[in-house]
């Protein structure tokens, strides 16, 4: 959402998808909450953001197009058993 590749479209898309899924009855009765985190398109804060998101109890990750952050954080999420969509 910030950094050298700012984009709010990914957040808005996730929020729209969550609202549409919830409107149809959620996922096995569980509603989706989109949690906004900002890695600033930088691997160093990205690692901290990944750990913060995990501490908030996330169950899935939708990443944007910044591969330098993804390279550093994918193993953190997968190691915690989190579903990731890139």
PDB file of N, CA and C in Angstrom:
ATOM      1  N   UNK A   1       0.805  -1.177   0.000  1.00  0.00           N
ATOM      2  CA  UNK A   1       0.000   0.000   0.000  1.00  0.00           C
ATOM      3  C   UNK A   1       0.852   1.247   0.000  1.00  0.00           C
ATOM      4  N   UNK A   2       2.123   1.077   0.395  1.00  0.00           N
ATOM      5  CA  UNK A   2       3.048   2.196   0.290  1.00  0.00           C
ATOM      6  C   UNK A   2       4.385   1.663  -0.215  1.00  0.00           C
ATOM      7  N   UNK A   3       5.383   2.523  -0.270  1.00  0.00           N
ATOM      8  CA  UNK A   3       6.674   2.108  -0.803  1.00  0.00           C
ATOM      9  C   UNK A   3       6.775   2.451  -2.274  1.00  0.00           C
ATOM     10  N   UNK A   4       7.780   1.889  -2.954  1.00  0.00           N
ATOM     11  CA  UNK A   4       7.998   2.247  -4.354  1.00  0.00           C
ATOM     12  C   UNK A   4       6.942   1.700  -5.319  1.00  0.00           C
ATOM     13  N   UNK A   5       6.105   0.780  -4.866  1.00  0.00           N
ATOM     14  CA  UNK A   5       5.056   0.211  -5.720  1.00  0.00           C
ATOM     15  C   UNK A   5       3.702   0.286  -5.007  1.00  0.00           C
ATOM     16  N   UNK A   6       3.228   1.491  -4.713  1.00  0.00           N
ATOM     17  CA  UNK A   6       1.988   1.599  -3.949  1.00  0.00           C
ATOM     18  C   UNK A   6       0.775   1.112  -4.740  1.00  0.00           C
ATOM     19  N   UNK A   7      -0.124   0.433  -4.041  1.00  0.00           N
ATOM     20  CA  UNK A   7      -1.348  -0.046  -4.686  1.00  0.00           C
ATOM     21  C   UNK A   7      -2.400  -0.305  -3.635  1.00  0.00           C
ATOM     22  N   UNK A   8      -3.538   0.303  -3.782  1.00  0.00           N
ATOM     23  CA  UNK A   8      -4.660   0.061  -2.894  1.00  0.00           C
ATOM     24  C   UNK A   8      -5.623  -0.944  -3.533  1.00  0.00           C
ATOM     25  N   UNK A   9      -5.416  -1.218  -4.834  1.00  0.00           N
ATOM     26  CA  UNK A   9      -6.326  -2.100  -5.561  1.00  0.00           C
ATOM     27  C   UNK A   9      -6.361  -3.514  -4.990  1.00  0.00           C
ATOM     28  N   UNK A  10      -5.224  -4.044  -4.547  1.00  0.00           N
ATOM     29  CA  UNK A  10      -5.187  -5.384  -3.978  1.00  0.00           C
ATOM     30  C   UNK A  10      -6.054  -5.447  -2.714  1.00  0.00           C
ATOM     31  N   UNK A  11      -5.958  -4.436  -1.865  1.00  0.00           N
ATOM     32  CA  UNK A  11      -6.774  -4.387  -0.653  1.00  0.00           C
ATOM     33  C   UNK A  11      -8.253  -4.311  -1.000  1.00  0.00           C
ATOM     34  N   UNK A  12      -8.596  -3.437  -1.899  1.00  0.00           N
ATOM     35  CA  UNK A  12     -10.006  -3.285  -2.283  1.00  0.00           C
ATOM     36  C   UNK A  12     -10.554  -4.568  -2.910  1.00  0.00           C
ATOM     37  N   UNK A  13      -9.734  -5.224  -3.716  1.00  0.00           N
ATOM     38  CA  UNK A  13     -10.156  -6.492  -4.318  1.00  0.00           C
ATOM     39  C   UNK A  13     -10.393  -7.561  -3.264  1.00  0.00           C
ATOM     40  N   UNK A  14      -9.509  -7.640  -2.282  1.00  0.00           N
ATOM     41  CA  UNK A  14      -9.672  -8.618  -1.204  1.00  0.00           C
ATOM     42  C   UNK A  14     -10.915  -8.310  -0.380  1.00  0.00           C
ATOM     43  N   UNK A  15     -11.149  -7.043  -0.092  1.00  0.00           N
ATOM     44  CA  UNK A  15     -12.340  -6.656   0.674  1.00  0.00           C
ATOM     45  C   UNK A  15     -13.619  -6.985  -0.093  1.00  0.00           C
ATOM     46  N   UNK A  16     -13.627  -6.728  -1.395  1.00  0.00           N
ATOM     47  CA  UNK A  16     -14.789  -7.045  -2.215  1.00  0.00           C
ATOM     48  C   UNK A  16     -15.035  -8.548  -2.243  1.00  0.00           C
ATOM     49  N   UNK A  17     -13.980  -9.320  -2.458  1.00  0.00           N
ATOM     50  CA  UNK A  17     -14.124 -10.782  -2.490  1.00  0.00           C
ATOM     51  C   UNK A  17     -14.636 -11.307  -1.150  1.00  0.00           C
ATOM     52  N   UNK A  18     -14.105 -10.793  -0.056  1.00  0.00           N
ATOM     53  CA  UNK A  18     -14.550 -11.234   1.272  1.00  0.00           C
ATOM     54  C   UNK A  18     -16.027 -10.915   1.474  1.00  0.00           C
ATOM     55  N   UNK A  19     -16.450  -9.730   1.071  1.00  0.00           N
ATOM     56  CA  UNK A  19     -17.858  -9.348   1.217  1.00  0.00           C
ATOM     57  C   UNK A  19     -18.764 -10.244   0.381  1.00  0.00           C
ATOM     58  N   UNK A  20     -18.347 -10.564  -0.833  1.00  0.00           N
ATOM     59  CA  UNK A  20     -19.160 -11.432  -1.689  1.00  0.00           C
ATOM     60  C   UNK A  20     -19.238 -12.853  -1.126  1.00  0.00           C
ATOM     61  N   UNK A  21     -18.135 -13.353  -0.621  1.00  0.00           N
ATOM     62  CA  UNK A  21     -18.129 -14.700  -0.034  1.00  0.00           C
ATOM     63  C   UNK A  21     -18.997 -14.729   1.215  1.00  0.00           C
ATOM     64  N   UNK A  22     -18.859 -13.733   2.058  1.00  0.00           N
ATOM     65  CA  UNK A  22     -19.667 -13.679   3.277  1.00  0.00           C
ATOM     66  C   UNK A  22     -21.157 -13.581   2.969  1.00  0.00           C
ATOM     67  N   UNK A  23     -21.486 -12.848   1.922  1.00  0.00           N
ATOM     68  CA  UNK A  23     -22.885 -12.696   1.525  1.00  0.00           C
ATOM     69  C   UNK A  23     -23.501 -14.035   1.113  1.00  0.00           C
ATOM     70  N   UNK A  24     -22.661 -14.936   0.585  1.00  0.00           N
ATOM     71  CA  UNK A  24     -23.130 -16.257   0.161  1.00  0.00           C
ATOM     72  C   UNK A  24     -23.059 -17.296   1.283  1.00  0.00           C
ATOM     73  N   UNK A  25     -22.746 -16.854   2.504  1.00  0.00           N
ATOM     74  CA  UNK A  25     -22.744 -17.788   3.621  1.00  0.00           C
ATOM     75  C   UNK A  25     -21.383 -18.071   4.209  1.00  0.00           C
ATOM     76  N   UNK A  26     -20.376 -17.338   3.795  1.00  0.00           N
ATOM     77  CA  UNK A  26     -19.028 -17.440   4.342  1.00  0.00           C
ATOM     78  C   UNK A  26     -18.337 -18.721   3.898  1.00  0.00           C
ATOM     79  N   UNK A  27     -17.273 -19.081   4.569  1.00  0.00           N
ATOM     80  CA  UNK A  27     -16.516 -20.286   4.259  1.00  0.00           C
ATOM     81  C   UNK A  27     -16.775 -21.276   5.384  1.00  0.00           C
ATOM     82  N   UNK A  28     -17.572 -22.278   5.076  1.00  0.00           N
ATOM     83  CA  UNK A  28     -17.971 -23.265   6.083  1.00  0.00           C
ATOM     84  C   UNK A  28     -18.497 -22.569   7.337  1.00  0.00           C
ATOM     85  N   UNK A  29     -19.268 -21.491   7.129  1.00  0.00           N
ATOM     86  CA  UNK A  29     -19.880 -20.761   8.227  1.00  0.00           C
ATOM     87  C   UNK A  29     -18.984 -19.734   8.897  1.00  0.00           C
ATOM     88  N   UNK A  30     -17.751 -19.628   8.480  1.00  0.00           N
ATOM     89  CA  UNK A  30     -16.824 -18.669   9.082  1.00  0.00           C
ATOM     90  C   UNK A  30     -16.687 -17.456   8.175  1.00  0.00           C
ATOM     91  N   UNK A  31     -16.948 -16.294   8.727  1.00  0.00           N
ATOM     92  CA  UNK A  31     -16.840 -15.059   7.956  1.00  0.00           C
ATOM     93  C   UNK A  31     -15.383 -14.657   7.792  1.00  0.00           C
ATOM     94  N   UNK A  32     -15.112 -13.950   6.719  1.00  0.00           N
ATOM     95  CA  UNK A  32     -13.757 -13.520   6.383  1.00  0.00           C
ATOM     96  C   UNK A  32     -13.547 -12.084   6.849  1.00  0.00           C
ATOM     97  N   UNK A  33     -12.423 -11.865   7.498  1.00  0.00           N
ATOM     98  CA  UNK A  33     -12.009 -10.520   7.882  1.00  0.00           C
ATOM     99  C   UNK A  33     -10.703 -10.220   7.171  1.00  0.00           C
ATOM    100  N   UNK A  34     -10.672  -9.131   6.436  1.00  0.00           N
ATOM    101  CA  UNK A  34      -9.453  -8.724   5.747  1.00  0.00           C
ATOM    102  C   UNK A  34      -8.662  -7.831   6.700  1.00  0.00           C
ATOM    103  N   UNK A  35      -7.415  -8.205   6.927  1.00  0.00           N
ATOM    104  CA  UNK A  35      -6.534  -7.428   7.790  1.00  0.00           C
ATOM    105  C   UNK A  35      -5.490  -6.752   6.910  1.00  0.00           C
ATOM    106  N   UNK A  36      -5.442  -5.455   6.980  1.00  0.00           N
ATOM    107  CA  UNK A  36      -4.482  -4.694   6.166  1.00  0.00           C
ATOM    108  C   UNK A  36      -3.147  -4.615   6.897  1.00  0.00           C
ATOM    109  N   UNK A  37      -2.111  -5.023   6.217  1.00  0.00           N
ATOM    110  CA  UNK A  37      -0.744  -4.844   6.702  1.00  0.00           C
ATOM    111  C   UNK A  37       0.072  -4.253   5.550  1.00  0.00           C
ATOM    112  N   UNK A  38       1.092  -3.495   5.889  1.00  0.00           N
ATOM    113  CA  UNK A  38       1.864  -2.793   4.864  1.00  0.00           C
ATOM    114  C   UNK A  38       3.344  -3.106   5.050  1.00  0.00           C
ATOM    115  N   UNK A  39       3.904  -3.837   4.106  1.00  0.00           N
ATOM    116  CA  UNK A  39       5.328  -4.165   4.157  1.00  0.00           C
ATOM    117  C   UNK A  39       6.187  -3.113   3.461  1.00  0.00           C
ATOM    118  N   UNK A  40       5.558  -2.056   2.969  1.00  0.00           N
ATOM    119  CA  UNK A  40       6.224  -0.946   2.278  1.00  0.00           C
ATOM    120  C   UNK A  40       7.073  -1.408   1.098  1.00  0.00           C
ATOM    121  N   UNK A  41       6.725  -2.565   0.529  1.00  0.00           N
ATOM    122  CA  UNK A  41       7.445  -3.122  -0.622  1.00  0.00           C
ATOM    123  C   UNK A  41       8.924  -3.298  -0.311  1.00  0.00           C
ATOM    124  N   UNK A  42       9.204  -3.686   0.932  1.00  0.00           N
ATOM    125  CA  UNK A  42      10.581  -3.804   1.399  1.00  0.00           C
ATOM    126  C   UNK A  42      10.710  -5.077   2.231  1.00  0.00           C
ATOM    127  N   UNK A  43      11.651  -5.945   1.913  1.00  0.00           N
ATOM    128  CA  UNK A  43      11.784  -7.220   2.621  1.00  0.00           C
ATOM    129  C   UNK A  43      12.025  -7.086   4.128  1.00  0.00           C
ATOM    130  N   UNK A  44      12.764  -6.080   4.566  1.00  0.00           N
ATOM    131  CA  UNK A  44      13.073  -5.955   5.996  1.00  0.00           C
ATOM    132  C   UNK A  44      11.818  -5.715   6.833  1.00  0.00           C
ATOM    133  N   UNK A  45      11.019  -4.677   6.536  1.00  0.00           N
ATOM    134  CA  UNK A  45       9.767  -4.553   7.289  1.00  0.00           C
ATOM    135  C   UNK A  45       8.791  -5.679   6.952  1.00  0.00           C
ATOM    136  N   UNK A  46       8.938  -6.263   5.769  1.00  0.00           N
ATOM    137  CA  UNK A  46       8.057  -7.366   5.386  1.00  0.00           C
ATOM    138  C   UNK A  46       8.151  -8.538   6.341  1.00  0.00           C
ATOM    139  N   UNK A  47       9.345  -8.840   6.809  1.00  0.00           N
ATOM    140  CA  UNK A  47       9.536  -9.936   7.766  1.00  0.00           C
ATOM    141  C   UNK A  47       8.825  -9.614   9.077  1.00  0.00           C
ATOM    142  N   UNK A  48       8.964  -8.393   9.553  1.00  0.00           N
ATOM    143  CA  UNK A  48       8.278  -7.973  10.793  1.00  0.00           C
ATOM    144  C   UNK A  48       6.761  -8.028  10.607  1.00  0.00           C
ATOM    145  N   UNK A  49       6.300  -7.558   9.460  1.00  0.00           N
ATOM    146  CA  UNK A  49       4.864  -7.578   9.164  1.00  0.00           C
ATOM    147  C   UNK A  49       4.338  -9.012   9.150  1.00  0.00           C
ATOM    148  N   UNK A  50       5.098  -9.937   8.582  1.00  0.00           N
ATOM    149  CA  UNK A  50       4.683 -11.342   8.546  1.00  0.00           C
ATOM    150  C   UNK A  50       4.491 -11.888   9.959  1.00  0.00           C
ATOM    151  N   UNK A  51       5.439 -11.613  10.836  1.00  0.00           N
ATOM    152  CA  UNK A  51       5.330 -12.091  12.219  1.00  0.00           C
ATOM    153  C   UNK A  51       4.173 -11.418  12.960  1.00  0.00           C
ATOM    154  N   UNK A  52       3.969 -10.131  12.698  1.00  0.00           N
ATOM    155  CA  UNK A  52       2.843  -9.418  13.309  1.00  0.00           C
ATOM    156  C   UNK A  52       1.517 -10.002  12.837  1.00  0.00           C
ATOM    157  N   UNK A  53       1.410 -10.263  11.542  1.00  0.00           N
ATOM    158  CA  UNK A  53       0.175 -10.843  10.998  1.00  0.00           C
ATOM    159  C   UNK A  53      -0.090 -12.210  11.623  1.00  0.00           C
ATOM    160  N   UNK A  54       0.944 -13.018  11.762  1.00  0.00           N
ATOM    161  CA  UNK A  54       0.776 -14.335  12.387  1.00  0.00           C
ATOM    162  C   UNK A  54       0.303 -14.195  13.825  1.00  0.00           C
ATOM    163  N   UNK A  55       0.820 -13.220  14.534  1.00  0.00           N
ATOM    164  CA  UNK A  55       0.400 -13.031  15.926  1.00  0.00           C
ATOM    165  C   UNK A  55      -1.053 -12.581  16.030  1.00  0.00           C
ATOM    166  N   UNK A  56      -1.597 -12.050  14.941  1.00  0.00           N
ATOM    167  CA  UNK A  56      -2.999 -11.621  14.911  1.00  0.00           C
ATOM    168  C   UNK A  56      -3.938 -12.761  14.522  1.00  0.00           C
ATOM    169  N   UNK A  57      -3.359 -13.942  14.262  1.00  0.00           N
ATOM    170  CA  UNK A  57      -4.191 -15.114  14.013  1.00  0.00           C
ATOM    171  C   UNK A  57      -4.651 -15.300  12.583  1.00  0.00           C
ATOM    172  N   UNK A  58      -3.906 -14.811  11.634  1.00  0.00           N
ATOM    173  CA  UNK A  58      -4.325 -14.967  10.239  1.00  0.00           C
ATOM    174  C   UNK A  58      -4.372 -16.444   9.833  1.00  0.00           C
ATOM    175  N   UNK A  59      -5.185 -16.730   8.828  1.00  0.00           N
ATOM    176  CA  UNK A  59      -5.267 -18.099   8.303  1.00  0.00           C
ATOM    177  C   UNK A  59      -4.934 -18.156   6.816  1.00  0.00           C
ATOM    178  N   UNK A  60      -4.719 -17.000   6.197  1.00  0.00           N
ATOM    179  CA  UNK A  60      -4.383 -16.956   4.775  1.00  0.00           C
ATOM    180  C   UNK A  60      -3.730 -15.643   4.429  1.00  0.00           C
ATOM    181  N   UNK A  61      -3.000 -15.641   3.317  1.00  0.00           N
ATOM    182  CA  UNK A  61      -2.298 -14.445   2.861  1.00  0.00           C
ATOM    183  C   UNK A  61      -2.546 -14.270   1.367  1.00  0.00           C
ATOM    184  N   UNK A  62      -2.891 -13.046   0.996  1.00  0.00           N
ATOM    185  CA  UNK A  62      -2.965 -12.671  -0.416  1.00  0.00           C
ATOM    186  C   UNK A  62      -1.898 -11.603  -0.597  1.00  0.00           C
ATOM    187  N   UNK A  63      -0.932 -11.896  -1.413  1.00  0.00           N
ATOM    188  CA  UNK A  63       0.193 -10.983  -1.609  1.00  0.00           C
ATOM    189  C   UNK A  63       0.012 -10.215  -2.906  1.00  0.00           C
ATOM    190  N   UNK A  64       0.687  -9.100  -2.979  1.00  0.00           N
ATOM    191  CA  UNK A  64       0.692  -8.389  -4.250  1.00  0.00           C
ATOM    192  C   UNK A  64       1.912  -8.789  -5.048  1.00  0.00           C
ATOM    193  N   UNK A  65       2.352  -7.979  -5.944  1.00  0.00           N
ATOM    194  CA  UNK A  65       3.325  -8.356  -6.951  1.00  0.00           C
ATOM    195  C   UNK A  65       4.776  -8.174  -6.550  1.00  0.00           C
ATOM    196  N   UNK A  66       5.090  -7.809  -5.332  1.00  0.00           N
ATOM    197  CA  UNK A  66       6.464  -7.523  -4.943  1.00  0.00           C
ATOM    198  C   UNK A  66       7.194  -8.800  -4.552  1.00  0.00           C
ATOM    199  N   UNK A  67       7.978  -9.332  -5.473  1.00  0.00           N
ATOM    200  CA  UNK A  67       8.620 -10.626  -5.246  1.00  0.00           C
ATOM    201  C   UNK A  67       9.752 -10.556  -4.235  1.00  0.00           C
ATOM    202  N   UNK A  68      10.413  -9.418  -4.069  1.00  0.00           N
ATOM    203  CA  UNK A  68      11.512  -9.349  -3.108  1.00  0.00           C
ATOM    204  C   UNK A  68      11.016  -9.548  -1.681  1.00  0.00           C
ATOM    205  N   UNK A  69       9.802  -9.104  -1.393  1.00  0.00           N
ATOM    206  CA  UNK A  69       9.216  -9.333  -0.075  1.00  0.00           C
ATOM    207  C   UNK A  69       8.737 -10.772   0.026  1.00  0.00           C
ATOM    208  N   UNK A  70       8.107 -11.259  -1.020  1.00  0.00           N
ATOM    209  CA  UNK A  70       7.600 -12.626  -1.026  1.00  0.00           C
ATOM    210  C   UNK A  70       8.691 -13.662  -0.815  1.00  0.00           C
ATOM    211  N   UNK A  71       9.848 -13.438  -1.400  1.00  0.00           N
ATOM    212  CA  UNK A  71      10.964 -14.376  -1.245  1.00  0.00           C
ATOM    213  C   UNK A  71      11.350 -14.501   0.227  1.00  0.00           C
ATOM    214  N   UNK A  72      11.315 -13.394   0.952  1.00  0.00           N
ATOM    215  CA  UNK A  72      11.713 -13.393   2.362  1.00  0.00           C
ATOM    216  C   UNK A  72      10.605 -13.860   3.305  1.00  0.00           C
ATOM    217  N   UNK A  73       9.346 -13.713   2.903  1.00  0.00           N
ATOM    218  CA  UNK A  73       8.253 -14.008   3.838  1.00  0.00           C
ATOM    219  C   UNK A  73       7.514 -15.315   3.567  1.00  0.00           C
ATOM    220  N   UNK A  74       7.624 -15.841   2.370  1.00  0.00           N
ATOM    221  CA  UNK A  74       6.874 -17.055   2.039  1.00  0.00           C
ATOM    222  C   UNK A  74       7.195 -18.191   3.013  1.00  0.00           C
ATOM    223  N   UNK A  75       8.456 -18.387   3.332  1.00  0.00           N
ATOM    224  CA  UNK A  75       8.809 -19.478   4.240  1.00  0.00           C
ATOM    225  C   UNK A  75       8.270 -19.242   5.644  1.00  0.00           C
ATOM    226  N   UNK A  76       8.133 -17.998   6.047  1.00  0.00           N
ATOM    227  CA  UNK A  76       7.567 -17.684   7.365  1.00  0.00           C
ATOM    228  C   UNK A  76       6.100 -18.111   7.399  1.00  0.00           C
ATOM    229  N   UNK A  77       5.342 -17.720   6.379  1.00  0.00           N
ATOM    230  CA  UNK A  77       3.929 -18.076   6.329  1.00  0.00           C
ATOM    231  C   UNK A  77       3.733 -19.585   6.169  1.00  0.00           C
ATOM    232  N   UNK A  78       4.444 -20.176   5.251  1.00  0.00           N
ATOM    233  CA  UNK A  78       4.291 -21.619   5.031  1.00  0.00           C
ATOM    234  C   UNK A  78       4.726 -22.413   6.250  1.00  0.00           C
ATOM    235  N   UNK A  79       5.769 -21.958   6.939  1.00  0.00           N
ATOM    236  CA  UNK A  79       6.222 -22.623   8.151  1.00  0.00           C
ATOM    237  C   UNK A  79       5.172 -22.620   9.249  1.00  0.00           C
ATOM    238  N   UNK A  80       4.286 -21.632   9.186  1.00  0.00           N
ATOM    239  CA  UNK A  80       3.194 -21.532  10.163  1.00  0.00           C
ATOM    240  C   UNK A  80       1.920 -22.211   9.658  1.00  0.00           C
ATOM    241  N   UNK A  81       2.007 -22.852   8.481  1.00  0.00           N
ATOM    242  CA  UNK A  81       0.853 -23.542   7.932  1.00  0.00           C
ATOM    243  C   UNK A  81      -0.185 -22.633   7.311  1.00  0.00           C
ATOM    244  N   UNK A  82       0.227 -21.453   6.892  1.00  0.00           N
ATOM    245  CA  UNK A  82      -0.687 -20.467   6.324  1.00  0.00           C
ATOM    246  C   UNK A  82      -0.818 -20.681   4.817  1.00  0.00           C
ATOM    247  N   UNK A  83      -2.040 -20.621   4.320  1.00  0.00           N
ATOM    248  CA  UNK A  83      -2.303 -20.685   2.894  1.00  0.00           C
ATOM    249  C   UNK A  83      -1.901 -19.360   2.264  1.00  0.00           C
ATOM    250  N   UNK A  84      -1.123 -19.413   1.202  1.00  0.00           N
ATOM    251  CA  UNK A  84      -0.659 -18.209   0.522  1.00  0.00           C
ATOM    252  C   UNK A  84      -1.094 -18.222  -0.928  1.00  0.00           C
ATOM    253  N   UNK A  85      -1.582 -17.092  -1.398  1.00  0.00           N
ATOM    254  CA  UNK A  85      -1.926 -16.895  -2.803  1.00  0.00           C
ATOM    255  C   UNK A  85      -1.122 -15.732  -3.311  1.00  0.00           C
ATOM    256  N   UNK A  86      -0.334 -15.964  -4.340  1.00  0.00           N
ATOM    257  CA  UNK A  86       0.500 -14.912  -4.893  1.00  0.00           C
ATOM    258  C   UNK A  86      -0.045 -14.451  -6.193  1.00  0.00           C
TER     259      UNK A  86
END
